[in-house]
C-alpha atoms as a PDB file:
ATOM      1  CA  UNK A   1     -23.553  -6.258   3.972  1.00  0.00           C
ATOM      2  CA  UNK A   2     -21.679  -7.572   7.002  1.00  0.00           C
ATOM      3  CA  UNK A   3     -17.973  -7.996   7.682  1.00  0.00           C
ATOM      4  CA  UNK A   4     -15.735  -8.636  10.663  1.00  0.00           C
ATOM      5  CA  UNK A   5     -14.545  -5.281  11.988  1.00  0.00           C
ATOM      6  CA  UNK A   6     -10.961  -6.486  12.412  1.00  0.00           C
ATOM      7  CA  UNK A   7     -10.750  -7.794   8.828  1.00  0.00           C
ATOM      8  CA  UNK A   8     -12.200  -4.614   7.303  1.00  0.00           C
ATOM      9  CA  UNK A   9     -10.056  -2.262   9.363  1.00  0.00           C
ATOM     10  CA  UNK A  10      -6.849  -4.226   8.770  1.00  0.00           C
ATOM     11  CA  UNK A  11      -7.442  -4.146   5.015  1.00  0.00           C
ATOM     12  CA  UNK A  12      -8.086  -0.397   4.948  1.00  0.00           C
ATOM     13  CA  UNK A  13      -5.028   0.415   7.055  1.00  0.00           C
ATOM     14  CA  UNK A  14      -2.767  -1.646   4.812  1.00  0.00           C
ATOM     15  CA  UNK A  15      -4.230  -0.379   1.545  1.00  0.00           C
ATOM     16  CA  UNK A  16      -4.285   3.300   2.573  1.00  0.00           C
ATOM     17  CA  UNK A  17      -0.688   3.408   3.966  1.00  0.00           C
ATOM     18  CA  UNK A  18       0.468   6.055   6.507  1.00  0.00           C
ATOM     19  CA  UNK A  19       1.847   9.593   6.939  1.00  0.00           C
ATOM     20  CA  UNK A  20       2.640  11.447   3.680  1.00  0.00           C
ATOM     21  CA  UNK A  21       1.719   8.349   1.680  1.00  0.00           C
ATOM     22  CA  UNK A  22      -1.656   7.908   3.341  1.00  0.00           C
ATOM     23  CA  UNK A  23      -4.518   7.938   0.859  1.00  0.00           C
ATOM     24  CA  UNK A  24      -7.081  10.336   2.307  1.00  0.00           C
ATOM     25  CA  UNK A  25      -9.719  10.046  -0.411  1.00  0.00           C
ATOM     26  CA  UNK A  26     -10.499   7.494  -3.082  1.00  0.00           C
ATOM     27  CA  UNK A  27     -13.190   5.345  -4.612  1.00  0.00           C
ATOM     28  CA  UNK A  28     -14.030   2.102  -2.848  1.00  0.00           C
ATOM     29  CA  UNK A  29     -15.233  -0.264  -5.561  1.00  0.00           C
ATOM     30  CA  UNK A  30     -17.591  -2.918  -4.172  1.00  0.00           C
ATOM     31  CA  UNK A  31     -17.640  -5.052  -7.323  1.00  0.00           C
ATOM     32  CA  UNK A  32     -18.366  -8.706  -8.159  1.00  0.00           C
ATOM     33  CA  UNK A  33     -15.062  -9.961  -6.723  1.00  0.00           C
ATOM     34  CA  UNK A  34     -15.129  -7.901  -3.529  1.00  0.00           C
ATOM     35  CA  UNK A  35     -13.817  -4.507  -2.453  1.00  0.00           C
ATOM     36  CA  UNK A  36     -11.027  -3.020  -4.575  1.00  0.00           C
ATOM     37  CA  UNK A  37      -8.976   0.139  -4.059  1.00  0.00           C
ATOM     38  CA  UNK A  38      -6.866   1.537  -6.897  1.00  0.00           C
ATOM     39  CA  UNK A  39      -5.440   4.936  -6.009  1.00  0.00           C
ATOM     40  CA  UNK A  40      -2.321   7.088  -5.650  1.00  0.00           C
ATOM     41  CA  UNK A  41      -1.230   8.977  -2.562  1.00  0.00           C
ATOM     42  CA  UNK A  42      -1.467  12.785  -2.819  1.00  0.00           C
ATOM     43  CA  UNK A  43       2.212  13.322  -3.815  1.00  0.00           C
ATOM     44  CA  UNK A  44       1.893  10.459  -6.360  1.00  0.00           C
ATOM     45  CA  UNK A  45       4.934   8.721  -4.935  1.00  0.00           C
ATOM     46  CA  UNK A  46       3.089   5.534  -3.973  1.00  0.00           C
ATOM     47  CA  UNK A  47       0.112   3.629  -5.317  1.00  0.00           C
ATOM     48  CA  UNK A  48      -2.226   1.071  -3.785  1.00  0.00           C
ATOM     49  CA  UNK A  49      -3.942  -1.612  -5.863  1.00  0.00           C
ATOM     50  CA  UNK A  50      -5.612  -3.689  -3.169  1.00  0.00           C
ATOM     51  CA  UNK A  51      -8.406  -6.252  -2.956  1.00  0.00           C
ATOM     52  CA  UNK A  52     -10.525  -7.495  -0.053  1.00  0.00           C
ATOM     53  CA  UNK A  53     -12.012 -10.734  -1.352  1.00  0.00           C
ATOM     54  CA  UNK A  54     -15.765 -11.216  -1.561  1.00  0.00           C
ATOM     55  CA  UNK A  55     -15.571 -14.345   0.591  1.00  0.00           C
ATOM     56  CA  UNK A  56     -14.040 -12.237   3.374  1.00  0.00           C
ATOM     57  CA  UNK A  57     -17.465 -10.702   3.974  1.00  0.00           C
ATOM     58  CA  UNK A  58     -20.150 -12.421   6.038  1.00  0.00           C
ATOM     59  CA  UNK A  59     -22.808 -10.993   3.695  1.00  0.00           C
ATOM     60  CA  UNK A  60     -21.957  -9.000   0.567  1.00  0.00           C
ATOM     61  CA  UNK A  61     -23.645  -6.428  -1.656  1.00  0.00           C
ATOM     62  CA  UNK A  62     -22.292  -5.103  -4.946  1.00  0.00           C
ATOM     63  CA  UNK A  63     -22.660  -1.396  -4.189  1.00  0.00           C
ATOM     64  CA  UNK A  64     -20.333  -0.402  -7.025  1.00  0.00           C
ATOM     65  CA  UNK A  65     -18.243   2.756  -6.649  1.00  0.00           C
ATOM     66  CA  UNK A  66     -18.391   4.496  -3.269  1.00  0.00           C
ATOM     67  CA  UNK A  67     -16.499   7.802  -3.067  1.00  0.00           C
ATOM     68  CA  UNK A  68     -15.075   8.634   0.359  1.00  0.00           C
ATOM     69  CA  UNK A  69     -12.721  11.175   1.905  1.00  0.00           C
ATOM     70  CA  UNK A  70     -11.292  11.671   5.408  1.00  0.00           C
ATOM     71  CA  UNK A  71     -10.355   7.999   5.293  1.00  0.00           C
ATOM     72  CA  UNK A  72      -7.979   8.247   8.259  1.00  0.00           C
ATOM     73  CA  UNK A  73     -10.945   9.022  10.505  1.00  0.00           C
ATOM     74  CA  UNK A  74     -13.119   6.418   8.788  1.00  0.00           C
ATOM     75  CA  UNK A  75     -10.684   3.747  10.010  1.00  0.00           C
ATOM     76  CA  UNK A  76     -10.869   5.269  13.496  1.00  0.00           C
ATOM     77  CA  UNK A  77     -14.677   5.033  13.373  1.00  0.00           C
ATOM     78  CA  UNK A  78     -14.272   1.268  13.053  1.00  0.00           C
ATOM     79  CA  UNK A  79     -12.669   1.242  16.512  1.00  0.00           C
ATOM     80  CA  UNK A  80     -16.060   2.266  17.913  1.00  0.00           C
ATOM     81  CA  UNK A  81     -17.550  -1.131  17.037  1.00  0.00           C
ATOM     82  CA  UNK A  82     -17.046  -4.638  18.343  1.00  0.00           C
ATOM     83  CA  UNK A  83     -16.689  -7.859  16.341  1.00  0.00           C
ATOM     84  CA  UNK A  84     -18.853  -7.216  13.265  1.00  0.00           C
ATOM     85  CA  UNK A  85     -20.265  -4.243  11.407  1.00  0.00           C
ATOM     86  CA  UNK A  86     -23.025  -3.894   8.849  1.00  0.00           C
ATOM     87  CA  UNK A  87     -22.515  -1.559   5.879  1.00  0.00           C
ATOM     88  CA  UNK A  88     -25.506  -0.085   4.085  1.00  0.00           C
ATOM     89  CA  UNK A  89     -25.435   2.438   1.235  1.00  0.00           C
ATOM     90  CA  UNK A  90     -28.435   4.682   0.623  1.00  0.00           C
ATOM     91  CA  UNK A  91     -28.118   7.748  -1.562  1.00  0.00           C
ATOM     92  CA  UNK A  92     -25.074   9.768  -0.489  1.00  0.00           C
ATOM     93  CA  UNK A  93     -24.729   8.015   2.879  1.00  0.00           C
ATOM     94  CA  UNK A  94     -22.868   4.928   4.006  1.00  0.00           C
ATOM     95  CA  UNK A  95     -24.224   3.664   7.311  1.00  0.00           C
ATOM     96  CA  UNK A  96     -22.098   1.524   9.610  1.00  0.00           C
ATOM     97  CA  UNK A  97     -23.958  -0.249  12.386  1.00  0.00           C
ATOM     98  CA  UNK A  98     -23.119  -2.841  15.014  1.00  0.00           C
ATOM     99  CA  UNK A  99     -22.507  -3.169  18.723  1.00  0.00           C
ATOM    100  CA  UNK A 100     -20.127  -1.557  21.204  1.00  0.00           C
ATOM    101  CA  UNK A 101     -19.899  -2.997  24.716  1.00  0.00           C
ATOM    102  CA  UNK A 102     -23.167  -4.835  24.104  1.00  0.00           C
ATOM    103  CA  UNK A 103     -25.031  -1.702  22.993  1.00  0.00           C
ATOM    104  CA  UNK A 104     -26.280  -1.126  19.447  1.00  0.00           C
ATOM    105  CA  UNK A 105     -24.979   1.922  17.606  1.00  0.00           C
ATOM    106  CA  UNK A 106     -24.700   3.283  14.077  1.00  0.00           C
ATOM    107  CA  UNK A 107     -22.966   6.113  12.234  1.00  0.00           C
ATOM    108  CA  UNK A 108     -23.829   7.802   8.935  1.00  0.00           C
ATOM    109  CA  UNK A 109     -20.888   8.839   6.762  1.00  0.00           C
ATOM    110  CA  UNK A 110     -21.402  11.301   3.920  1.00  0.00           C
ATOM    111  CA  UNK A 111     -20.115  10.075   0.575  1.00  0.00           C
ATOM    112  CA  UNK A 112     -18.361  12.138  -2.093  1.00  0.00           C
ATOM    113  CA  UNK A 113     -19.401  12.255  -5.750  1.00  0.00           C
ATOM    114  CA  UNK A 114     -16.879  10.591  -8.076  1.00  0.00           C
ATOM    115  CA  UNK A 115     -16.529  13.828 -10.053  1.00  0.00           C
ATOM    116  CA  UNK A 116     -14.861  15.449  -7.028  1.00  0.00           C
ATOM    117  CA  UNK A 117     -12.253  12.704  -6.619  1.00  0.00           C
ATOM    118  CA  UNK A 118      -9.100  11.763  -8.493  1.00  0.00           C
ATOM    119  CA  UNK A 119     -10.259   8.609 -10.278  1.00  0.00           C
ATOM    120  CA  UNK A 120      -7.013   7.651 -12.019  1.00  0.00           C
ATOM    121  CA  UNK A 121      -7.199   3.846 -11.997  1.00  0.00           C
ATOM    122  CA  UNK A 122      -4.677   2.981 -14.710  1.00  0.00           C
ATOM    123  CA  UNK A 123      -2.280   0.354 -13.388  1.00  0.00           C
ATOM    124  CA  UNK A 124       1.390   1.114 -14.149  1.00  0.00           C
ATOM    125  CA  UNK A 125       3.050  -1.157 -16.690  1.00  0.00           C
ATOM    126  CA  UNK A 126       6.198  -2.228 -14.848  1.00  0.00           C
ATOM    127  CA  UNK A 127       8.789  -4.918 -15.526  1.00  0.00           C
ATOM    128  CA  UNK A 128      11.210  -6.143 -12.859  1.00  0.00           C
ATOM    129  CA  UNK A 129      14.550  -7.973 -12.810  1.00  0.00           C
ATOM    130  CA  UNK A 130      14.532  -9.552  -9.333  1.00  0.00           C
ATOM    131  CA  UNK A 131      11.787 -10.833  -7.030  1.00  0.00           C
ATOM    132  CA  UNK A 132      12.299 -12.137  -3.498  1.00  0.00           C
ATOM    133  CA  UNK A 133      10.266 -12.890  -0.393  1.00  0.00           C
ATOM    134  CA  UNK A 134      10.628 -11.565   3.137  1.00  0.00           C
ATOM    135  CA  UNK A 135       8.304 -11.583   6.125  1.00  0.00           C
ATOM    136  CA  UNK A 136       6.824  -8.252   7.170  1.00  0.00           C
ATOM    137  CA  UNK A 137       8.310  -8.762  10.651  1.00  0.00           C
ATOM    138  CA  UNK A 138      11.820  -9.191   9.225  1.00  0.00           C
ATOM    139  CA  UNK A 139      11.391  -6.105   7.044  1.00  0.00           C
ATOM    140  CA  UNK A 140      10.057  -4.043   9.973  1.00  0.00           C
ATOM    141  CA  UNK A 141      13.099  -5.033  12.037  1.00  0.00           C
ATOM    142  CA  UNK A 142      15.329  -3.750   9.229  1.00  0.00           C
ATOM    143  CA  UNK A 143      13.350  -0.517   9.030  1.00  0.00           C
ATOM    144  CA  UNK A 144      13.761  -0.005  12.787  1.00  0.00           C
ATOM    145  CA  UNK A 145      17.521  -0.030  12.189  1.00  0.00           C
ATOM    146  CA  UNK A 146      17.134   2.539   9.424  1.00  0.00           C
ATOM    147  CA  UNK A 147      14.898   4.699  11.627  1.00  0.00           C
ATOM    148  CA  UNK A 148      17.755   5.212  14.113  1.00  0.00           C
ATOM    149  CA  UNK A 149      18.965   7.800  11.599  1.00  0.00           C
ATOM    150  CA  UNK A 150      17.213  10.994  10.565  1.00  0.00           C
ATOM    151  CA  UNK A 151      16.104  11.260   6.924  1.00  0.00           C
ATOM    152  CA  UNK A 152      17.951   8.085   5.986  1.00  0.00           C
ATOM    153  CA  UNK A 153      17.565   6.217   2.720  1.00  0.00           C
ATOM    154  CA  UNK A 154      17.723   2.448   2.336  1.00  0.00           C
ATOM    155  CA  UNK A 155      19.259   0.582  -0.564  1.00  0.00           C
ATOM    156  CA  UNK A 156      18.451  -2.931  -1.775  1.00  0.00           C
ATOM    157  CA  UNK A 157      21.373  -4.659  -3.494  1.00  0.00           C
ATOM    158  CA  UNK A 158      20.894  -8.143  -4.897  1.00  0.00           C
ATOM    159  CA  UNK A 159      23.661 -10.704  -4.954  1.00  0.00           C
ATOM    160  CA  UNK A 160      23.541 -14.402  -5.689  1.00  0.00           C
ATOM    161  CA  UNK A 161      20.781 -15.841  -3.461  1.00  0.00           C
ATOM    162  CA  UNK A 162      20.801 -12.858  -1.060  1.00  0.00           C
ATOM    163  CA  UNK A 163      19.567  -9.271  -0.827  1.00  0.00           C
ATOM    164  CA  UNK A 164      21.609  -6.778   1.182  1.00  0.00           C
ATOM    165  CA  UNK A 165      19.814  -3.807   2.723  1.00  0.00           C
ATOM    166  CA  UNK A 166      21.998  -0.856   3.682  1.00  0.00           C
ATOM    167  CA  UNK A 167      21.170   2.671   4.816  1.00  0.00           C
ATOM    168  CA  UNK A 168      22.646   6.151   4.976  1.00  0.00           C
ATOM    169  CA  UNK A 169      23.121   8.120   8.189  1.00  0.00           C
ATOM    170  CA  UNK A 170      25.338   8.020  11.270  1.00  0.00           C
ATOM    171  CA  UNK A 171      24.409   4.412  12.021  1.00  0.00           C
ATOM    172  CA  UNK A 172      24.992   2.455   8.838  1.00  0.00           C
ATOM    173  CA  UNK A 173      23.403  -0.982   9.219  1.00  0.00           C
ATOM    174  CA  UNK A 174      23.787  -3.847   6.790  1.00  0.00           C
ATOM    175  CA  UNK A 175      21.045  -6.471   6.866  1.00  0.00           C
ATOM    176  CA  UNK A 176      20.868  -9.605   4.741  1.00  0.00           C
ATOM    177  CA  UNK A 177      17.748 -11.309   3.404  1.00  0.00           C
ATOM    178  CA  UNK A 178      17.962 -14.872   2.098  1.00  0.00           C
ATOM    179  CA  UNK A 179      16.727 -14.807  -1.490  1.00  0.00           C
ATOM    180  CA  UNK A 180      17.206 -18.112  -3.351  1.00  0.00           C
ATOM    181  CA  UNK A 181      15.621 -16.686  -6.518  1.00  0.00           C
ATOM    182  CA  UNK A 182      17.997 -13.715  -6.859  1.00  0.00           C
ATOM    183  CA  UNK A 183      20.856 -13.765  -9.364  1.00  0.00           C
ATOM    184  CA  UNK A 184      22.439 -10.464  -8.339  1.00  0.00           C
ATOM    185  CA  UNK A 185      23.304  -7.148  -9.940  1.00  0.00           C
ATOM    186  CA  UNK A 186      20.286  -4.980  -9.041  1.00  0.00           C
ATOM    187  CA  UNK A 187      20.587  -1.877  -6.871  1.00  0.00           C
ATOM    188  CA  UNK A 188      17.805   0.564  -5.955  1.00  0.00           C
ATOM    189  CA  UNK A 189      17.357   3.161  -3.209  1.00  0.00           C
ATOM    190  CA  UNK A 190      14.215   4.346  -1.407  1.00  0.00           C
ATOM    191  CA  UNK A 191      13.328   7.077   1.048  1.00  0.00           C
ATOM    192  CA  UNK A 192      10.709   7.505   3.747  1.00  0.00           C
ATOM    193  CA  UNK A 193       7.988   6.803   1.194  1.00  0.00           C
ATOM    194  CA  UNK A 194       8.859   3.100   1.252  1.00  0.00           C
ATOM    195  CA  UNK A 195       8.630   2.958   5.033  1.00  0.00           C
ATOM    196  CA  UNK A 196       5.273   4.785   5.008  1.00  0.00           C
ATOM    197  CA  UNK A 197       3.877   2.370   2.443  1.00  0.00           C
ATOM    198  CA  UNK A 198       4.748  -0.906   4.199  1.00  0.00           C
ATOM    199  CA  UNK A 199       4.152   0.223   7.804  1.00  0.00           C
ATOM    200  CA  UNK A 200       0.930  -1.762   8.347  1.00  0.00           C
ATOM    201  CA  UNK A 201       1.744  -4.941   6.426  1.00  0.00           C
ATOM    202  CA  UNK A 202       2.056  -8.095   8.533  1.00  0.00           C
ATOM    203  CA  UNK A 203       2.214 -11.120   6.230  1.00  0.00           C
ATOM    204  CA  UNK A 204       4.756 -12.692   3.895  1.00  0.00           C
ATOM    205  CA  UNK A 205       5.804 -10.129   1.294  1.00  0.00           C
ATOM    206  CA  UNK A 206       6.876 -10.557  -2.305  1.00  0.00           C
ATOM    207  CA  UNK A 207       9.136  -7.690  -3.363  1.00  0.00           C
ATOM    208  CA  UNK A 208      10.035  -6.986  -7.007  1.00  0.00           C
ATOM    209  CA  UNK A 209      12.814  -4.539  -7.909  1.00  0.00           C
ATOM    210  CA  UNK A 210      14.968  -3.187 -10.708  1.00  0.00           C
ATOM    211  CA  UNK A 211      17.797  -0.629 -10.877  1.00  0.00           C
ATOM    212  CA  UNK A 212      16.565   2.904 -10.022  1.00  0.00           C
ATOM    213  CA  UNK A 213      12.971   1.818 -10.587  1.00  0.00           C
ATOM    214  CA  UNK A 214       9.698   1.651  -8.621  1.00  0.00           C
ATOM    215  CA  UNK A 215       9.317  -1.287  -6.269  1.00  0.00           C
ATOM    216  CA  UNK A 216       6.287  -3.567  -6.094  1.00  0.00           C
ATOM    217  CA  UNK A 217       5.374  -4.984  -2.689  1.00  0.00           C
ATOM    218  CA  UNK A 218       2.683  -7.662  -2.620  1.00  0.00           C
ATOM    219  CA  UNK A 219       1.092  -9.299   0.415  1.00  0.00           C
ATOM    220  CA  UNK A 220      -1.226 -12.242  -0.271  1.00  0.00           C
ATOM    221  CA  UNK A 221      -3.483 -13.423   2.535  1.00  0.00           C
ATOM    222  CA  UNK A 222      -6.532 -15.671   2.637  1.00  0.00           C
ATOM    223  CA  UNK A 223      -8.749 -12.576   2.942  1.00  0.00           C
ATOM    224  CA  UNK A 224      -6.935 -10.007   0.814  1.00  0.00           C
ATOM    225  CA  UNK A 225      -4.236  -9.094  -1.675  1.00  0.00           C
ATOM    226  CA  UNK A 226      -2.353  -5.840  -1.033  1.00  0.00           C
ATOM    227  CA  UNK A 227      -0.199  -4.503  -3.880  1.00  0.00           C
ATOM    228  CA  UNK A 228       1.796  -1.314  -3.340  1.00  0.00           C
ATOM    229  CA  UNK A 229       4.031   0.533  -5.809  1.00  0.00           C
ATOM    230  CA  UNK A 230       6.600   3.004  -4.434  1.00  0.00           C
ATOM    231  CA  UNK A 231       8.829   5.374  -6.390  1.00  0.00           C
ATOM    232  CA  UNK A 232      12.621   5.133  -5.912  1.00  0.00           C
ATOM    233  CA  UNK A 233      15.020   7.777  -4.656  1.00  0.00           C
ATOM    234  CA  UNK A 234      17.114   8.652  -7.694  1.00  0.00           C
ATOM    235  CA  UNK A 235      20.188  10.858  -7.253  1.00  0.00           C
ATOM    236  CA  UNK A 236      20.850  13.680  -9.707  1.00  0.00           C
ATOM    237  CA  UNK A 237      24.066  11.953 -10.796  1.00  0.00           C
ATOM    238  CA  UNK A 238      22.190   8.836 -11.871  1.00  0.00           C
ATOM    239  CA  UNK A 239      19.520  10.659 -13.852  1.00  0.00           C
ATOM    240  CA  UNK A 240      20.059  10.588 -17.616  1.00  0.00           C
ATOM    241  CA  UNK A 241      20.562  13.810 -19.546  1.00  0.00           C
ATOM    242  CA  UNK A 242      17.683  15.111 -21.634  1.00  0.00           C
ATOM    243  CA  UNK A 243      19.221  13.590 -24.769  1.00  0.00           C
ATOM    244  CA  UNK A 244      19.507  10.192 -23.092  1.00  0.00           C
ATOM    245  CA  UNK A 245      16.248  10.296 -21.163  1.00  0.00           C
ATOM    246  CA  UNK A 246      14.238   7.147 -21.809  1.00  0.00           C
ATOM    247  CA  UNK A 247      10.672   7.205 -23.008  1.00  0.00           C
ATOM    248  CA  UNK A 248       7.965   6.622 -20.411  1.00  0.00           C
ATOM    249  CA  UNK A 249       6.484   3.153 -20.460  1.00  0.00           C
ATOM    250  CA  UNK A 250       2.845   3.184 -21.386  1.00  0.00           C
ATOM    251  CA  UNK A 251       0.652   3.148 -18.298  1.00  0.00           C
ATOM    252  CA  UNK A 252       3.507   3.862 -15.870  1.00  0.00           C
ATOM    253  CA  UNK A 253       2.178   6.800 -13.863  1.00  0.00           C
ATOM    254  CA  UNK A 254       4.444   6.285 -10.861  1.00  0.00           C
ATOM    255  CA  UNK A 255       6.657   9.299 -10.282  1.00  0.00           C
ATOM    256  CA  UNK A 256      10.066   9.528  -8.677  1.00  0.00           C
ATOM    257  CA  UNK A 257      11.051  11.838  -5.858  1.00  0.00           C
END
């Protein structure tokens, strides 16, 4: 199985997220449609349901489930190769081979049995009230404003045809996103988890939100589809009492802070 190094690495970095939300171990499913990742981060505050399309590979093999850990370093291993890499699975080893500076090289990576990994693959059943689009570059510029403050939260507030993004902290920015599809009336707040999840995205994003509810961020490219779910920051004042607490939606395994 062969794939362009840049395509494979970019997909993994986006799907695995960064910092506290980085997925360090999961099952890579090389199925009929391509490579799919369906996994939570360790704190279960963010989830990745991502797909690298079969046609993105130069040659493709349906290896099925491949359990891996230490995924941060696996992505760094890809830096040791030039334009293309070949992936070969034999027993409990995944071998990557290719060229570096014109010289052939390969590396064997030990795989992990599925029984030793968290294999929760149930997709959360979520319903949203507003969906809008924003480029990753525009969103990153907003997040740079937020990052001027320590431990800041950011709040999305929808109004008619716009989304306002505000933040807490000493430097309180207000950014506006044009959103022709929005009707207004939704407000939801997120913490650092949101920033960790979207850090490596670089395409046009579709963001779906609802009051005090997980957000869905989707990036669709010719080679891949990245879908990330991130839990909201809910204040104690906004949480319902035990008597009023709503029932969990079936399949919704996304937790709040």
